[in-house]
Protein backbone atom coordinates (compact mmCIF):
# COMPACT_ATOMS: atom_id res chain seq x y z
CA MET A 1 -221.65 20.39 -20.16
CA LEU A 2 -218.10 20.03 -18.82
CA LYS A 3 -218.98 16.79 -17.07
CA LYS A 4 -220.43 15.38 -20.30
CA LEU A 5 -217.30 16.37 -22.18
CA LEU A 6 -215.12 14.68 -19.58
CA CYS A 7 -217.27 11.55 -19.71
CA VAL A 8 -216.83 11.44 -23.49
CA ALA A 9 -213.08 11.82 -22.99
CA VAL A 10 -213.08 8.89 -20.53
CA VAL A 11 -214.94 6.75 -23.08
CA VAL A 12 -212.45 7.69 -25.81
CA VAL A 13 -209.53 6.85 -23.54
CA SER A 14 -211.20 3.54 -22.67
CA CYS A 15 -211.58 2.71 -26.36
CA TYR A 16 -207.94 3.61 -26.91
CA ALA A 17 -207.00 1.31 -24.06
CA LEU A 18 -208.70 -1.54 -25.88
CA SER A 19 -206.74 -0.89 -29.08
CA GLY A 20 -203.38 -2.22 -30.25
CA CYS A 21 -201.54 0.44 -28.27
CA ALA A 22 -202.87 -1.13 -25.11
CA ILE A 23 -201.32 -4.44 -26.13
CA TYR A 24 -197.92 -2.75 -26.52
CA ASN A 25 -198.28 -0.88 -23.23
CA ALA A 26 -199.30 -4.08 -21.43
CA ALA A 27 -196.29 -5.91 -22.84
CA VAL A 28 -193.74 -3.34 -21.63
CA ASP A 29 -195.41 -2.61 -18.28
CA GLU A 30 -193.63 -3.97 -15.21
CA ARG A 31 -196.97 -5.04 -13.68
CA ASN A 32 -198.82 -8.19 -14.67
CA ILE A 33 -202.09 -7.90 -16.60
CA GLY A 34 -204.21 -8.38 -13.46
CA GLU A 35 -202.43 -5.54 -11.65
CA GLN A 36 -202.72 -3.29 -14.71
CA TYR A 37 -206.44 -4.00 -14.97
CA SER A 38 -207.02 -3.40 -11.26
CA ASP A 39 -205.13 -0.09 -11.40
CA THR A 40 -207.11 0.99 -14.50
CA VAL A 41 -210.41 0.25 -12.77
CA ILE A 42 -209.33 2.19 -9.68
CA THR A 43 -208.24 5.18 -11.81
CA ALA A 44 -211.53 5.19 -13.74
CA THR A 45 -213.56 4.93 -10.54
CA VAL A 46 -211.72 7.80 -8.84
CA LEU A 47 -212.03 9.94 -11.98
CA LYS A 48 -215.76 9.24 -12.11
CA LYS A 49 -216.12 10.32 -8.48
CA ILE A 50 -214.23 13.54 -9.19
CA VAL A 51 -216.38 14.23 -12.26
CA ASN A 52 -219.55 13.65 -10.24
CA SER A 53 -218.39 15.86 -7.36
CA LYS A 54 -219.91 19.33 -7.43
CA ASP A 55 -216.97 20.61 -5.37
CA LEU A 56 -214.11 19.60 -7.71
CA SER A 57 -212.98 20.55 -11.18
CA PRO A 58 -212.00 17.33 -12.98
CA LEU A 59 -209.77 19.22 -15.39
CA ASP A 60 -207.57 20.36 -12.49
CA ILE A 61 -206.74 16.94 -11.03
CA ALA A 62 -204.90 14.06 -12.71
CA VAL A 63 -205.33 10.56 -11.30
CA ASN A 64 -202.66 7.90 -11.73
CA THR A 65 -202.72 4.47 -10.08
CA TYR A 66 -199.82 2.05 -9.70
CA ASN A 67 -199.98 -1.07 -7.53
CA LYS A 68 -203.26 0.13 -5.95
CA LYS A 69 -201.63 3.39 -4.85
CA VAL A 70 -203.53 6.43 -6.16
CA TYR A 71 -201.68 9.64 -7.01
CA LEU A 72 -203.75 12.84 -7.15
CA ILE A 73 -201.84 15.55 -8.99
CA GLY A 74 -203.04 19.05 -9.74
CA GLU A 75 -204.45 22.25 -8.33
CA VAL A 76 -207.36 23.02 -6.03
CA ASP A 77 -209.04 26.21 -4.90
CA SER A 78 -209.05 25.33 -1.20
CA LEU A 79 -207.92 22.87 1.44
CA ALA A 80 -211.53 21.66 1.59
CA GLN A 81 -211.32 20.67 -2.09
CA ARG A 82 -208.02 18.92 -1.44
CA ASN A 83 -209.56 16.96 1.42
CA THR A 84 -212.60 16.06 -0.70
CA ALA A 85 -210.42 14.67 -3.49
CA ILE A 86 -208.36 12.64 -1.04
CA LYS A 87 -211.45 11.22 0.69
CA LEU A 88 -213.03 10.27 -2.64
CA ALA A 89 -209.90 8.34 -3.59
CA GLN A 90 -209.50 6.75 -0.15
CA ASN A 91 -213.10 5.54 -0.22
CA THR A 92 -212.66 3.72 -3.52
CA GLU A 93 -212.65 -0.06 -3.49
CA GLY A 94 -209.19 -1.54 -3.97
CA VAL A 95 -207.23 1.58 -3.04
CA GLN A 96 -204.43 0.81 -0.59
CA SER A 97 -203.12 4.36 -0.22
CA VAL A 98 -203.44 7.87 -1.64
CA VAL A 99 -200.57 10.22 -2.39
CA PRO A 100 -201.76 13.79 -2.93
CA TYR A 101 -199.74 16.37 -4.83
CA LEU A 102 -202.46 19.02 -4.84
CA LEU A 103 -201.29 22.62 -4.76
CA LEU A 104 -203.48 25.60 -3.98
CA LYS A 105 -204.10 27.72 -7.06
CA ASN A 106 -202.06 30.90 -7.14
CA GLU A 107 -203.41 33.50 -9.55
CA GLN A 108 -200.28 35.68 -9.09
CA ASP A 109 -197.96 32.90 -10.24
CA PHE A 110 -196.20 33.61 -13.53
CA CYS A 111 -196.26 29.93 -14.45
CA GLY A 112 -199.50 29.17 -16.24
CA THR A 113 -201.18 26.42 -18.20
CA THR A 114 -199.17 27.14 -21.34
CA ASP A 115 -195.89 26.81 -19.44
CA ASN A 116 -197.04 23.58 -17.80
CA LEU A 117 -198.12 22.05 -21.12
CA SER A 118 -194.90 23.13 -22.81
CA MET A 119 -192.82 21.54 -20.06
CA GLN A 120 -194.89 18.36 -20.11
CA THR A 121 -194.59 18.06 -23.90
CA SER A 122 -190.86 18.75 -23.84
CA LEU A 123 -190.17 16.12 -21.19
CA SER A 124 -192.45 13.53 -22.81
CA LYS A 125 -190.64 14.04 -26.12
CA ASP A 126 -187.26 13.57 -24.44
CA LEU A 127 -188.41 10.41 -22.67
CA ILE A 128 -189.84 8.91 -25.86
CA GLY A 129 -186.59 9.72 -27.67
CA ASP A 130 -184.42 7.97 -25.08
CA LYS A 131 -184.11 4.34 -26.20
CA ASP A 132 -182.68 3.27 -22.81
CA ILE A 133 -185.98 3.78 -20.97
CA TRP A 134 -189.57 2.58 -21.34
CA SER A 135 -191.28 5.96 -21.33
CA THR A 136 -194.75 4.42 -21.64
CA ASN A 137 -194.46 3.30 -18.01
CA VAL A 138 -194.10 6.87 -16.71
CA SER A 139 -196.75 9.57 -16.38
CA VAL A 140 -195.60 13.18 -16.55
CA ASP A 141 -197.69 15.87 -14.88
CA VAL A 142 -196.69 19.51 -14.44
CA VAL A 143 -198.28 21.77 -11.82
CA GLN A 144 -197.14 25.37 -11.38
CA CYS A 145 -193.88 24.54 -13.24
CA ASN A 146 -193.21 21.61 -10.89
CA ILE A 147 -192.76 18.25 -12.61
CA VAL A 148 -194.38 15.25 -10.95
CA LEU A 149 -193.47 11.77 -12.18
CA THR A 150 -195.40 8.59 -11.45
CA GLY A 151 -194.98 5.10 -12.81
CA ILE A 152 -193.07 1.88 -12.60
CA VAL A 153 -189.68 1.16 -14.12
CA GLY A 154 -187.42 -1.88 -14.17
CA SER A 155 -184.24 -0.44 -12.67
CA ASN A 156 -182.75 2.37 -10.62
CA ALA A 157 -180.63 3.34 -13.65
CA GLU A 158 -183.79 3.87 -15.70
CA LYS A 159 -185.32 5.94 -12.91
CA GLN A 160 -182.19 8.12 -12.64
CA GLN A 161 -182.15 8.70 -16.41
CA ILE A 162 -185.78 9.85 -16.29
CA LEU A 163 -184.97 12.22 -13.40
CA GLU A 164 -182.04 13.68 -15.35
CA HIS A 165 -184.32 14.42 -18.28
CA ALA A 166 -186.86 16.06 -15.95
CA ARG A 167 -184.28 18.25 -14.20
CA ALA A 168 -183.01 19.45 -17.58
CA VAL A 169 -186.38 20.90 -18.63
CA PRO A 170 -186.08 24.69 -18.94
CA LYS A 171 -187.87 26.71 -16.21
CA VAL A 172 -188.60 23.66 -14.04
CA ARG A 173 -188.94 24.64 -10.38
CA SER A 174 -188.77 21.19 -8.87
CA VAL A 175 -189.02 17.52 -9.76
CA THR A 176 -190.99 15.17 -7.54
CA SER A 177 -190.65 11.48 -8.32
CA TYR A 178 -193.09 8.83 -7.21
CA ILE A 179 -191.56 6.37 -9.68
CA GLN A 180 -191.40 2.86 -8.30
CA VAL A 181 -188.67 0.40 -9.24
CA GLN A 182 -190.06 -3.09 -9.66
């Protein structure tokens, strides 16, 4: 049932990507249309592999792709799951490299899903509100109260402004940036 729900979500996201919002996002993205398309196909393919894997929980791993580099961000139950996710991504056509940010789940940790979602929402709101940056080019993921940023921006100044916003989020433990300047 969960896999069917995730497949429906992927279809909805795909339909959204074909809407007017996709035109705006394509216009402000630092990559050309061909690169954006290639990265979208890679992301969808890796997500499909994760959904079809009996060893992984697709709700625990986010997949972002920029310039054929795949970022796996989330939590896993074991090192074996981490290795499985990495291998699935590495064995996907078009992938040049894989960057894993996959933490082992810690049931004793006081930082839970609600905290992570609150931090993600807070940072996303701040980025959208900052007119000096293109927030649509940056993905925000939060794992165990650690903020992980991926994306492509046009300048170092824009990247630094995004990092300042992330560091200012209450209760953040760390900020990891994989933001590329292009």
